[in-house]
Amino acid sequence: MKEGQEQAILAAHVQMPDGLCAGCRVWWSRLTPYPCWQVEWATSRQARTITVRFLEGVR
């Protein structure tokens, strides 16, 4: 994975007024409810990174 990939996904996959994911609609013509699996993946990766940084600082 490239650094910053999570931010790129979160920037493209935003919630539209109708409750669907904008990135999924534009990139794949899919009507996917927000949050889609890409958003869930990106937020979990960010949480892991933050947790690792915190735990490294505690030691």
N, C-alpha and C. Protein backbone atom coordinates (compact mmCIF):
# COMPACT_ATOMS: atom_id res chain seq x y z
N MET A 1 0.82 -1.19 0.00
CA MET A 1 0.00 0.00 0.00
C MET A 1 0.87 1.25 0.00
N LYS A 2 0.46 2.20 -0.75
CA LYS A 2 1.17 3.46 -0.78
C LYS A 2 0.65 4.37 0.32
N GLU A 3 1.55 5.17 0.87
CA GLU A 3 1.14 6.09 1.92
C GLU A 3 0.20 7.14 1.33
N GLY A 4 -0.83 7.46 2.05
CA GLY A 4 -1.80 8.44 1.58
C GLY A 4 -2.94 7.84 0.79
N GLN A 5 -2.88 6.54 0.55
CA GLN A 5 -3.94 5.90 -0.22
C GLN A 5 -5.28 5.97 0.52
N GLU A 6 -5.21 5.87 1.85
CA GLU A 6 -6.44 5.96 2.64
C GLU A 6 -7.11 7.32 2.47
N GLN A 7 -6.30 8.38 2.49
CA GLN A 7 -6.85 9.72 2.34
C GLN A 7 -7.48 9.91 0.97
N ALA A 8 -6.87 9.34 -0.06
CA ALA A 8 -7.42 9.46 -1.41
C ALA A 8 -8.77 8.75 -1.51
N ILE A 9 -8.88 7.59 -0.89
CA ILE A 9 -10.14 6.86 -0.90
C ILE A 9 -11.21 7.64 -0.15
N LEU A 10 -10.86 8.15 1.03
CA LEU A 10 -11.83 8.90 1.83
C LEU A 10 -12.25 10.20 1.14
N ALA A 11 -11.37 10.78 0.35
CA ALA A 11 -11.72 12.01 -0.36
C ALA A 11 -12.68 11.73 -1.52
N ALA A 12 -12.53 10.58 -2.16
CA ALA A 12 -13.37 10.26 -3.31
C ALA A 12 -14.69 9.60 -2.92
N HIS A 13 -14.67 8.83 -1.86
CA HIS A 13 -15.87 8.09 -1.44
C HIS A 13 -16.57 8.85 -0.32
N VAL A 14 -17.35 9.82 -0.72
CA VAL A 14 -18.11 10.64 0.23
C VAL A 14 -19.60 10.34 0.07
N GLN A 15 -20.35 10.68 1.09
CA GLN A 15 -21.79 10.43 1.05
C GLN A 15 -22.50 11.50 0.23
N MET A 16 -23.34 11.04 -0.67
CA MET A 16 -24.15 11.94 -1.47
C MET A 16 -25.45 12.23 -0.73
N PRO A 17 -26.18 13.26 -1.12
CA PRO A 17 -27.44 13.59 -0.44
C PRO A 17 -28.45 12.43 -0.40
N ASP A 18 -28.37 11.53 -1.37
CA ASP A 18 -29.30 10.40 -1.40
C ASP A 18 -28.83 9.22 -0.54
N GLY A 19 -27.69 9.37 0.16
CA GLY A 19 -27.18 8.33 1.05
C GLY A 19 -26.30 7.30 0.38
N LEU A 20 -25.98 7.52 -0.89
CA LEU A 20 -25.13 6.59 -1.62
C LEU A 20 -23.70 7.11 -1.68
N CYS A 21 -22.77 6.23 -2.03
CA CYS A 21 -21.36 6.58 -2.11
C CYS A 21 -21.05 7.21 -3.47
N ALA A 22 -20.47 8.40 -3.45
CA ALA A 22 -20.16 9.11 -4.69
C ALA A 22 -19.05 8.42 -5.48
N GLY A 23 -18.02 7.92 -4.80
CA GLY A 23 -16.91 7.25 -5.48
C GLY A 23 -17.33 5.99 -6.19
N CYS A 24 -18.15 5.19 -5.54
CA CYS A 24 -18.64 3.95 -6.18
C CYS A 24 -19.50 4.26 -7.39
N ARG A 25 -20.30 5.30 -7.31
CA ARG A 25 -21.17 5.66 -8.43
C ARG A 25 -20.34 6.14 -9.62
N VAL A 26 -19.34 6.99 -9.36
CA VAL A 26 -18.53 7.55 -10.45
C VAL A 26 -17.60 6.51 -11.04
N TRP A 27 -16.89 5.76 -10.21
CA TRP A 27 -15.87 4.84 -10.71
C TRP A 27 -16.43 3.56 -11.28
N TRP A 28 -17.47 3.00 -10.64
CA TRP A 28 -17.96 1.69 -11.06
C TRP A 28 -19.43 1.68 -11.44
N SER A 29 -20.09 2.80 -11.44
CA SER A 29 -21.52 2.90 -11.74
C SER A 29 -22.34 1.98 -10.83
N ARG A 30 -21.91 1.92 -9.58
CA ARG A 30 -22.62 1.11 -8.59
C ARG A 30 -23.40 2.01 -7.64
N LEU A 31 -24.59 1.60 -7.31
CA LEU A 31 -25.40 2.31 -6.32
C LEU A 31 -25.16 1.63 -4.97
N THR A 32 -24.12 2.07 -4.30
CA THR A 32 -23.69 1.47 -3.05
C THR A 32 -24.00 2.40 -1.89
N PRO A 33 -24.62 1.88 -0.83
CA PRO A 33 -24.88 2.74 0.33
C PRO A 33 -23.59 3.18 1.00
N TYR A 34 -23.62 4.38 1.55
CA TYR A 34 -22.46 4.90 2.26
C TYR A 34 -22.59 4.52 3.73
N PRO A 35 -21.55 4.07 4.40
CA PRO A 35 -20.18 3.90 3.95
C PRO A 35 -19.99 2.58 3.20
N CYS A 36 -19.30 2.65 2.09
CA CYS A 36 -19.01 1.46 1.30
C CYS A 36 -17.82 0.72 1.92
N TRP A 37 -17.47 -0.43 1.33
CA TRP A 37 -16.39 -1.21 1.92
C TRP A 37 -15.04 -0.51 1.78
N GLN A 38 -14.87 0.36 0.78
CA GLN A 38 -13.61 1.09 0.64
C GLN A 38 -13.43 2.07 1.80
N VAL A 39 -14.50 2.74 2.19
CA VAL A 39 -14.44 3.68 3.31
C VAL A 39 -14.16 2.92 4.60
N GLU A 40 -14.81 1.79 4.79
CA GLU A 40 -14.57 0.99 5.99
C GLU A 40 -13.12 0.52 6.05
N TRP A 41 -12.56 0.11 4.91
CA TRP A 41 -11.17 -0.32 4.86
C TRP A 41 -10.24 0.84 5.21
N ALA A 42 -10.46 2.00 4.59
CA ALA A 42 -9.58 3.15 4.79
C ALA A 42 -9.62 3.64 6.24
N THR A 43 -10.80 3.68 6.84
CA THR A 43 -10.88 4.13 8.23
C THR A 43 -10.23 3.13 9.18
N SER A 44 -10.35 1.84 8.89
CA SER A 44 -9.70 0.85 9.75
C SER A 44 -8.18 0.93 9.63
N ARG A 45 -7.67 1.19 8.42
CA ARG A 45 -6.22 1.36 8.25
C ARG A 45 -5.72 2.58 8.99
N GLN A 46 -6.48 3.67 8.94
CA GLN A 46 -6.08 4.87 9.67
C GLN A 46 -6.07 4.60 11.16
N ALA A 47 -7.07 3.89 11.66
CA ALA A 47 -7.13 3.58 13.09
C ALA A 47 -5.95 2.71 13.51
N ARG A 48 -5.58 1.75 12.69
CA ARG A 48 -4.42 0.91 13.00
C ARG A 48 -3.15 1.73 13.06
N THR A 49 -2.98 2.63 12.11
CA THR A 49 -1.78 3.47 12.08
C THR A 49 -1.70 4.35 13.31
N ILE A 50 -2.80 4.94 13.69
CA ILE A 50 -2.84 5.80 14.88
C ILE A 50 -2.53 4.99 16.13
N THR A 51 -3.10 3.78 16.22
CA THR A 51 -2.87 2.93 17.39
C THR A 51 -1.41 2.52 17.49
N VAL A 52 -0.82 2.15 16.37
CA VAL A 52 0.60 1.76 16.38
C VAL A 52 1.47 2.94 16.81
N ARG A 53 1.22 4.12 16.30
CA ARG A 53 1.99 5.30 16.70
C ARG A 53 1.84 5.58 18.19
N PHE A 54 0.62 5.44 18.70
CA PHE A 54 0.38 5.68 20.12
C PHE A 54 1.13 4.65 20.98
N LEU A 55 1.02 3.36 20.61
CA LEU A 55 1.66 2.32 21.39
C LEU A 55 3.18 2.41 21.34
N GLU A 56 3.73 2.83 20.23
CA GLU A 56 5.18 3.02 20.13
C GLU A 56 5.64 4.15 21.03
N GLY A 57 4.81 5.17 21.20
CA GLY A 57 5.15 6.29 22.05
C GLY A 57 5.05 5.96 23.52
N VAL A 58 4.26 4.96 23.89
CA VAL A 58 4.07 4.58 25.28
C VAL A 58 5.26 3.80 25.79
N ARG A 59 5.88 3.03 24.95
CA ARG A 59 7.01 2.16 25.37
C ARG A 59 8.21 2.94 25.75
